[in-house]
Amino acid sequence: MFQDFQSIDLFPLTVADIVINLAISVICGLIISVVYRLTYKGASYSVTFVHSLVLLSMITAIVLLVIGNNLARAFGLVGAMSIIRFRTAVRDTQDIVFIFFSLAVGMAAGVGYPVIAILGTILVSLVILVLTATQFANPHKRYYLLQINYISSPDSETVITNVLKQYCRKLKLVNLKTLDYNEEVEAFYHVTFKNENRSAELITAIKEIAAIKHVNLYFDEDDTPAPMR
């Protein structure tokens, strides 16, 4: 019975079919990588990951070309892949989406559905670009993460709080820890500004406080530095 499975190969591929399918997977992979570069907003951009998106699409197509409609090859591939363990941590949810995007396009190209591969790449890429350009998921008021290192004292804390209330619409202390030197304290606040154009003024006002040692302002959603206007 197993030999019967091995002999099932109804639609043998020609060299032209293989070249066309692989070419489509490469082109679609390049489009996906370009879209990733244009839309990525995180702090851990990886050149190797961008290259991997192209290669992943092509390799997936090769795997599907090898399997074809042969059941024995499919079962053998499942057994071979089950011993592989991928331990690379994916930090950004968007990276996982692009990995599946490349896999899906590679599968479509590998099984000989070029129209699905090309149209799928174009349509999904357009949706990603539109969502990014329109800032669809961003809240009306942007939240920031404010990091302040200062020498702890009742007076310094009062002055810092007064300055923050002057510029911030909402203010919430989310983390406070004492460092091991010079009685220095590190505080993290979630803040929203009354006027985001005055964020640079807030940083300047905080730095003028004598007890301040260090201050940073980040976009809360991805921990990237906020632009100082």
Protein backbone atom coordinates (compact mmCIF):
# COMPACT_ATOMS: atom_id res chain seq x y z
CA MET A 1 0.00 0.00 0.00
CA PHE A 2 2.84 2.38 0.83
CA GLN A 3 4.34 1.70 -2.60
CA ASP A 4 1.01 2.69 -4.14
CA PHE A 5 1.20 6.04 -2.33
CA GLN A 6 4.73 6.57 -3.65
CA SER A 7 3.58 6.07 -7.23
CA ILE A 8 0.82 8.70 -7.07
CA ASP A 9 2.17 11.57 -9.19
CA LEU A 10 -0.56 12.64 -11.56
CA PHE A 11 0.79 15.99 -12.76
CA PRO A 12 4.57 15.94 -13.30
CA LEU A 13 6.18 19.37 -13.44
CA THR A 14 8.21 20.68 -16.33
CA VAL A 15 11.30 22.84 -16.02
CA ALA A 16 9.31 25.84 -17.21
CA ASP A 17 6.71 25.29 -14.47
CA ILE A 18 9.40 25.17 -11.80
CA VAL A 19 11.12 28.33 -13.04
CA ILE A 20 7.84 30.26 -13.29
CA ASN A 21 6.66 29.21 -9.82
CA LEU A 22 9.98 30.10 -8.19
CA ALA A 23 10.15 33.42 -10.05
CA ILE A 24 6.67 34.33 -8.82
CA SER A 25 7.61 33.41 -5.24
CA VAL A 26 10.72 35.62 -5.41
CA ILE A 27 8.83 38.59 -6.86
CA CYS A 28 6.08 38.31 -4.27
CA GLY A 29 8.65 37.90 -1.51
CA LEU A 30 10.42 41.07 -2.63
CA ILE A 31 7.12 42.97 -2.57
CA ILE A 32 6.43 41.69 0.95
CA SER A 33 9.88 42.72 2.16
CA VAL A 34 9.46 46.23 0.70
CA VAL A 35 6.08 46.61 2.41
CA TYR A 36 7.65 45.47 5.69
CA ARG A 37 10.41 48.08 5.36
CA LEU A 38 7.89 50.84 4.65
CA THR A 39 5.52 49.97 7.50
CA TYR A 40 7.83 48.80 10.31
CA LYS A 41 7.81 51.26 13.23
CA GLY A 42 9.54 49.27 15.97
CA ALA A 43 12.97 49.71 17.51
CA SER A 44 14.49 46.32 16.56
CA TYR A 45 14.61 46.47 12.75
CA SER A 46 16.55 43.51 11.35
CA VAL A 47 18.10 43.39 7.89
CA THR A 48 18.36 39.60 8.09
CA PHE A 49 14.63 39.35 8.80
CA VAL A 50 13.84 41.34 5.65
CA HIS A 51 16.06 39.00 3.63
CA SER A 52 14.41 36.02 5.31
CA LEU A 53 10.96 37.10 4.11
CA VAL A 54 12.11 36.77 0.50
CA LEU A 55 13.89 33.47 1.11
CA LEU A 56 11.00 32.05 3.15
CA SER A 57 8.58 32.60 0.28
CA MET A 58 10.95 30.93 -2.16
CA ILE A 59 11.81 27.99 0.11
CA THR A 60 8.12 27.33 0.83
CA ALA A 61 7.50 27.20 -2.91
CA ILE A 62 10.36 24.72 -3.32
CA VAL A 63 8.93 22.51 -0.57
CA LEU A 64 5.52 22.46 -2.25
CA LEU A 65 7.14 21.71 -5.61
CA VAL A 66 8.96 18.76 -4.06
CA ILE A 67 5.78 17.40 -2.48
CA GLY A 68 3.54 17.96 -5.50
CA ASN A 69 0.58 15.64 -5.09
CA ASN A 70 2.68 12.73 -3.78
CA LEU A 71 1.28 11.58 -0.44
CA ALA A 72 4.43 9.69 0.54
CA ARG A 73 6.55 12.83 0.16
CA ALA A 74 4.03 14.85 2.16
CA PHE A 75 4.09 12.40 5.08
CA GLY A 76 7.87 12.21 4.90
CA LEU A 77 8.20 15.97 5.01
CA VAL A 78 5.94 16.19 8.06
CA GLY A 79 8.18 13.70 9.84
CA ALA A 80 11.34 15.56 8.84
CA MET A 81 10.00 18.97 9.89
CA SER A 82 8.83 17.64 13.25
CA ILE A 83 12.43 17.27 14.45
CA ILE A 84 13.25 20.93 13.74
CA ARG A 85 12.95 23.39 16.60
CA PHE A 86 12.87 27.14 15.98
CA ARG A 87 13.98 29.02 19.09
CA THR A 88 14.25 32.56 17.72
CA ALA A 89 11.98 34.87 19.70
CA VAL A 90 9.75 37.13 17.60
CA ARG A 91 9.41 40.43 19.48
CA ASP A 92 6.85 42.15 17.29
CA THR A 93 3.40 40.78 16.43
CA GLN A 94 3.72 42.34 12.98
CA ASP A 95 6.77 40.15 12.29
CA ILE A 96 4.65 37.03 12.84
CA VAL A 97 2.06 38.38 10.39
CA PHE A 98 4.71 38.90 7.70
CA ILE A 99 6.12 35.40 8.30
CA PHE A 100 2.70 33.87 7.65
CA PHE A 101 2.26 36.24 4.69
CA SER A 102 5.45 34.92 3.08
CA LEU A 103 4.50 31.31 3.84
CA ALA A 104 1.05 31.71 2.29
CA VAL A 105 2.39 33.34 -0.86
CA GLY A 106 5.11 30.70 -1.18
CA MET A 107 2.51 27.96 -0.85
CA ALA A 108 0.32 29.52 -3.54
CA ALA A 109 3.28 29.83 -5.90
CA GLY A 110 4.53 26.34 -5.12
CA VAL A 111 1.25 24.57 -5.90
CA GLY A 112 0.91 26.41 -9.19
CA TYR A 113 -1.59 29.17 -8.42
CA PRO A 114 0.27 32.28 -9.65
CA VAL A 115 -2.88 34.40 -9.80
CA ILE A 116 -3.61 33.76 -6.12
CA ALA A 117 0.01 34.45 -5.18
CA ILE A 118 0.22 37.73 -7.09
CA LEU A 119 -3.25 39.09 -6.30
CA GLY A 120 -2.95 37.99 -2.68
CA THR A 121 0.39 39.79 -2.33
CA ILE A 122 -0.93 42.98 -3.93
CA LEU A 123 -4.21 43.13 -2.01
CA VAL A 124 -2.75 42.27 1.41
CA SER A 125 0.11 44.74 0.85
CA LEU A 126 -2.37 47.49 -0.05
CA VAL A 127 -4.37 46.81 3.11
CA ILE A 128 -1.21 46.96 5.25
CA LEU A 129 -0.12 50.23 3.62
CA VAL A 130 -3.57 51.79 4.06
CA LEU A 131 -3.79 50.76 7.72
CA THR A 132 -0.33 52.19 8.36
CA ALA A 133 -0.90 55.43 6.43
CA THR A 134 -4.24 56.16 8.11
CA GLN A 135 -2.94 55.15 11.57
CA PHE A 136 -6.07 53.04 11.89
CA ALA A 137 -5.17 51.46 15.25
CA ASN A 138 -3.75 54.57 16.91
CA PRO A 139 -5.81 56.09 19.74
CA HIS A 140 -7.06 59.65 19.43
CA LYS A 141 -4.68 60.70 22.19
CA ARG A 142 -1.19 59.18 22.02
CA TYR A 143 0.22 57.75 25.22
CA TYR A 144 3.87 58.32 26.05
CA LEU A 145 6.26 56.63 28.44
CA LEU A 146 8.29 59.17 30.41
CA GLN A 147 11.45 58.00 32.19
CA ILE A 148 12.92 60.24 34.90
CA ASN A 149 16.01 59.56 37.03
CA TYR A 150 16.42 61.91 39.98
CA ILE A 151 17.84 62.23 43.50
CA SER A 152 15.02 61.33 45.86
CA SER A 153 13.72 63.96 48.25
CA PRO A 154 10.25 65.30 49.13
CA ASP A 155 11.01 68.66 47.53
CA SER A 156 12.25 67.20 44.22
CA GLU A 157 9.22 64.92 43.91
CA THR A 158 6.87 67.84 44.50
CA VAL A 159 8.60 69.98 41.88
CA ILE A 160 8.57 67.15 39.31
CA THR A 161 4.88 66.46 39.89
CA ASN A 162 4.00 70.15 39.49
CA VAL A 163 5.90 70.38 36.20
CA LEU A 164 4.22 67.25 34.86
CA LYS A 165 0.76 68.49 35.78
CA GLN A 166 1.47 71.73 33.95
CA TYR A 167 2.06 69.95 30.61
CA CYS A 168 0.20 66.63 30.92
CA ARG A 169 -3.51 65.96 30.60
CA LYS A 170 -3.19 62.54 32.24
CA LEU A 171 -0.40 61.30 34.45
CA LYS A 172 0.11 57.85 35.96
CA LEU A 173 3.15 56.47 37.78
CA VAL A 174 3.63 52.89 36.49
CA ASN A 175 7.02 51.94 37.94
CA LEU A 176 9.32 53.32 40.65
CA LYS A 177 12.57 51.79 41.80
CA THR A 178 15.56 52.89 43.84
CA LEU A 179 18.95 52.48 42.19
CA ASP A 180 22.00 51.30 44.10
CA TYR A 181 23.95 54.53 43.98
CA ASN A 182 23.59 58.13 45.22
CA GLU A 183 19.98 57.57 46.40
CA GLU A 184 18.92 57.87 42.80
CA VAL A 185 15.35 56.93 41.86
CA GLU A 186 14.09 55.81 38.45
CA ALA A 187 10.43 56.57 37.74
CA PHE A 188 8.29 55.69 34.71
CA TYR A 189 5.06 57.57 33.94
CA HIS A 190 2.31 57.04 31.39
CA VAL A 191 1.40 60.52 30.17
CA THR A 192 -0.78 62.23 27.60
CA PHE A 193 -0.05 65.84 26.72
CA LYS A 194 -2.41 68.78 26.78
CA ASN A 195 -0.57 69.87 23.64
CA GLU A 196 1.78 67.36 21.97
CA ASN A 197 3.67 70.20 20.29
CA ARG A 198 4.97 71.21 23.73
CA SER A 199 6.63 67.86 24.51
CA ALA A 200 10.09 69.39 24.04
CA GLU A 201 9.20 72.15 26.51
CA LEU A 202 8.34 69.51 29.11
CA ILE A 203 11.72 67.80 28.70
CA THR A 204 13.50 71.15 29.00
CA ALA A 205 11.53 72.10 32.10
CA ILE A 206 12.31 68.77 33.78
CA LYS A 207 16.02 69.00 32.97
CA GLU A 208 16.17 72.40 34.67
CA ILE A 209 15.25 70.79 38.00
CA ALA A 210 18.43 70.44 40.09
CA ALA A 211 17.71 66.87 41.25
CA ILE A 212 17.25 65.48 37.74
CA LYS A 213 19.92 63.09 36.48
CA HIS A 214 18.34 61.69 33.32
CA VAL A 215 15.09 61.98 31.36
CA ASN A 216 13.70 60.20 28.27
CA LEU A 217 10.37 60.28 26.43
CA TYR A 218 9.12 57.27 24.42
CA PHE A 219 6.11 56.36 22.34
CA ASP A 220 4.35 53.91 24.62
CA GLU A 221 3.30 51.38 21.97
CA ASP A 222 6.80 50.46 20.74
CA ASP A 223 9.32 52.08 23.13
CA THR A 224 10.85 54.22 20.37
CA PRO A 225 12.06 57.70 21.27
CA ALA A 226 9.49 60.38 20.73
CA PRO A 227 10.50 63.22 18.38
CA MET A 228 11.44 66.42 20.19
CA ARG A 229 9.71 69.28 18.43
